[in-house]
Amino acid sequence: MAKSAVRSRFLAQHQAANAGCNLLFSLIRKLFVMTQSWARFQHDGTIRFGLLDGEQIRVYTGDMFADPKATNISMKLADVKLLAPT
């Protein structure tokens, strides 16, 4: 087999392996996002939602299922009343 053919075959295999790795990492990132723990809660009479982060909830606004927006507000889990999802 000529050197150029070997090189071409090597490059094709390398590109295929890279594409497979990129797909795998993309799926892992999506899985991580899907497994984040969202919570619906009440604080001072206001119902909100956010992401659980240890003993904190990072507050979000907007629609939880359609482009939620992060705020700079974080609350202690002990200071809120967790609510059932709706």
C-alpha atoms as a PDB file:
ATOM      1  CA  MET A   1       0.000   0.000   0.000  1.00  0.00           C
ATOM      2  CA  ALA A   2       1.396   3.400  -0.945  1.00  0.00           C
ATOM      3  CA  LYS A   3       2.263   5.948   1.733  1.00  0.00           C
ATOM      4  CA  SER A   4      -0.413   8.354   0.512  1.00  0.00           C
ATOM      5  CA  ALA A   5      -3.090   5.655   0.745  1.00  0.00           C
ATOM      6  CA  VAL A   6      -1.996   4.738   4.276  1.00  0.00           C
ATOM      7  CA  ARG A   7      -2.008   8.403   5.255  1.00  0.00           C
ATOM      8  CA  SER A   8      -5.481   8.951   3.759  1.00  0.00           C
ATOM      9  CA  ARG A   9      -6.841   5.893   5.558  1.00  0.00           C
ATOM     10  CA  PHE A  10      -5.299   7.028   8.853  1.00  0.00           C
ATOM     11  CA  LEU A  11      -6.794  10.525   8.479  1.00  0.00           C
ATOM     12  CA  ALA A  12     -10.236   9.108   7.666  1.00  0.00           C
ATOM     13  CA  GLN A  13     -10.143   6.864  10.752  1.00  0.00           C
ATOM     14  CA  HIS A  14      -8.941   9.759  12.899  1.00  0.00           C
ATOM     15  CA  GLN A  15     -11.742  12.025  11.665  1.00  0.00           C
ATOM     16  CA  ALA A  16     -14.329   9.302  12.307  1.00  0.00           C
ATOM     17  CA  ALA A  17     -12.993   8.796  15.846  1.00  0.00           C
ATOM     18  CA  ASN A  18     -13.149  12.560  16.501  1.00  0.00           C
ATOM     19  CA  ALA A  19     -16.733  12.716  15.243  1.00  0.00           C
ATOM     20  CA  GLY A  20     -17.651   9.837  17.575  1.00  0.00           C
ATOM     21  CA  CYS A  21     -16.009  11.555  20.553  1.00  0.00           C
ATOM     22  CA  ASN A  22     -17.761  14.840  19.782  1.00  0.00           C
ATOM     23  CA  LEU A  23     -21.118  13.057  19.617  1.00  0.00           C
ATOM     24  CA  LEU A  24     -20.449  11.274  22.908  1.00  0.00           C
ATOM     25  CA  PHE A  25     -19.483  14.504  24.698  1.00  0.00           C
ATOM     26  CA  SER A  26     -22.553  16.256  23.289  1.00  0.00           C
ATOM     27  CA  LEU A  27     -24.808  13.484  24.628  1.00  0.00           C
ATOM     28  CA  ILE A  28     -23.114  13.601  28.043  1.00  0.00           C
ATOM     29  CA  ARG A  29     -23.639  17.385  28.251  1.00  0.00           C
ATOM     30  CA  LYS A  30     -27.330  16.988  27.349  1.00  0.00           C
ATOM     31  CA  LEU A  31     -27.753  14.229  29.930  1.00  0.00           C
ATOM     32  CA  PHE A  32     -26.136  16.420  32.617  1.00  0.00           C
ATOM     33  CA  VAL A  33     -28.472  19.312  31.850  1.00  0.00           C
ATOM     34  CA  MET A  34     -31.491  17.010  31.901  1.00  0.00           C
ATOM     35  CA  THR A  35     -30.561  15.596  35.301  1.00  0.00           C
ATOM     36  CA  GLN A  36     -30.293  18.914  37.093  1.00  0.00           C
ATOM     37  CA  SER A  37     -32.793  19.180  39.943  1.00  0.00           C
ATOM     38  CA  TRP A  38     -35.354  21.900  39.429  1.00  0.00           C
ATOM     39  CA  ALA A  39     -37.500  22.918  42.372  1.00  0.00           C
ATOM     40  CA  ARG A  40     -40.696  24.886  42.727  1.00  0.00           C
ATOM     41  CA  PHE A  41     -40.874  26.744  46.032  1.00  0.00           C
ATOM     42  CA  GLN A  42     -42.511  29.519  48.027  1.00  0.00           C
ATOM     43  CA  HIS A  43     -40.626  32.291  49.777  1.00  0.00           C
ATOM     44  CA  ASP A  44     -42.293  35.235  51.536  1.00  0.00           C
ATOM     45  CA  GLY A  45     -45.597  34.421  49.823  1.00  0.00           C
ATOM     46  CA  THR A  46     -44.112  34.363  46.321  1.00  0.00           C
ATOM     47  CA  ILE A  47     -43.960  31.165  44.270  1.00  0.00           C
ATOM     48  CA  ARG A  48     -40.719  30.773  42.324  1.00  0.00           C
ATOM     49  CA  PHE A  49     -38.554  28.084  40.797  1.00  0.00           C
ATOM     50  CA  GLY A  50     -34.856  27.375  40.606  1.00  0.00           C
ATOM     51  CA  LEU A  51     -32.055  24.839  40.531  1.00  0.00           C
ATOM     52  CA  LEU A  52     -31.037  22.940  43.637  1.00  0.00           C
ATOM     53  CA  ASP A  53     -27.377  23.437  44.394  1.00  0.00           C
ATOM     54  CA  GLY A  54     -26.522  21.621  47.610  1.00  0.00           C
ATOM     55  CA  GLU A  55     -28.298  23.481  50.406  1.00  0.00           C
ATOM     56  CA  GLN A  56     -29.085  26.439  48.130  1.00  0.00           C
ATOM     57  CA  ILE A  57     -31.585  27.152  45.377  1.00  0.00           C
ATOM     58  CA  ARG A  58     -30.423  29.319  42.492  1.00  0.00           C
ATOM     59  CA  VAL A  59     -33.490  31.318  41.477  1.00  0.00           C
ATOM     60  CA  TYR A  60     -34.636  31.508  37.839  1.00  0.00           C
ATOM     61  CA  THR A  61     -37.360  33.552  36.149  1.00  0.00           C
ATOM     62  CA  GLY A  62     -39.514  33.056  33.087  1.00  0.00           C
ATOM     63  CA  ASP A  63     -40.831  29.704  31.955  1.00  0.00           C
ATOM     64  CA  MET A  64     -39.032  26.694  33.424  1.00  0.00           C
ATOM     65  CA  PHE A  65     -39.623  24.659  30.248  1.00  0.00           C
ATOM     66  CA  ALA A  66     -38.973  27.350  27.657  1.00  0.00           C
ATOM     67  CA  ASP A  67     -35.748  29.304  28.137  1.00  0.00           C
ATOM     68  CA  PRO A  68     -35.540  29.919  31.909  1.00  0.00           C
ATOM     69  CA  LYS A  69     -33.384  32.908  32.859  1.00  0.00           C
ATOM     70  CA  ALA A  70     -30.865  32.725  35.712  1.00  0.00           C
ATOM     71  CA  THR A  71     -30.914  35.520  38.276  1.00  0.00           C
ATOM     72  CA  ASN A  72     -28.192  36.479  40.710  1.00  0.00           C
ATOM     73  CA  ILE A  73     -30.440  35.395  43.597  1.00  0.00           C
ATOM     74  CA  SER A  74     -29.660  32.343  45.690  1.00  0.00           C
ATOM     75  CA  MET A  75     -31.703  31.202  48.701  1.00  0.00           C
ATOM     76  CA  LYS A  76     -31.056  28.755  51.489  1.00  0.00           C
ATOM     77  CA  LEU A  77     -33.105  25.606  51.129  1.00  0.00           C
ATOM     78  CA  ALA A  78     -34.059  25.846  54.819  1.00  0.00           C
ATOM     79  CA  ASP A  79     -35.640  29.296  54.209  1.00  0.00           C
ATOM     80  CA  VAL A  80     -38.148  28.163  51.560  1.00  0.00           C
ATOM     81  CA  LYS A  81     -41.150  25.883  51.407  1.00  0.00           C
ATOM     82  CA  LEU A  82     -40.793  23.310  48.634  1.00  0.00           C
ATOM     83  CA  LEU A  83     -43.922  22.862  46.515  1.00  0.00           C
ATOM     84  CA  ALA A  84     -45.170  20.028  44.323  1.00  0.00           C
ATOM     85  CA  PRO A  85     -44.635  20.451  40.591  1.00  0.00           C
ATOM     86  CA  THR A  86     -47.608  21.645  38.575  1.00  0.00           C
END
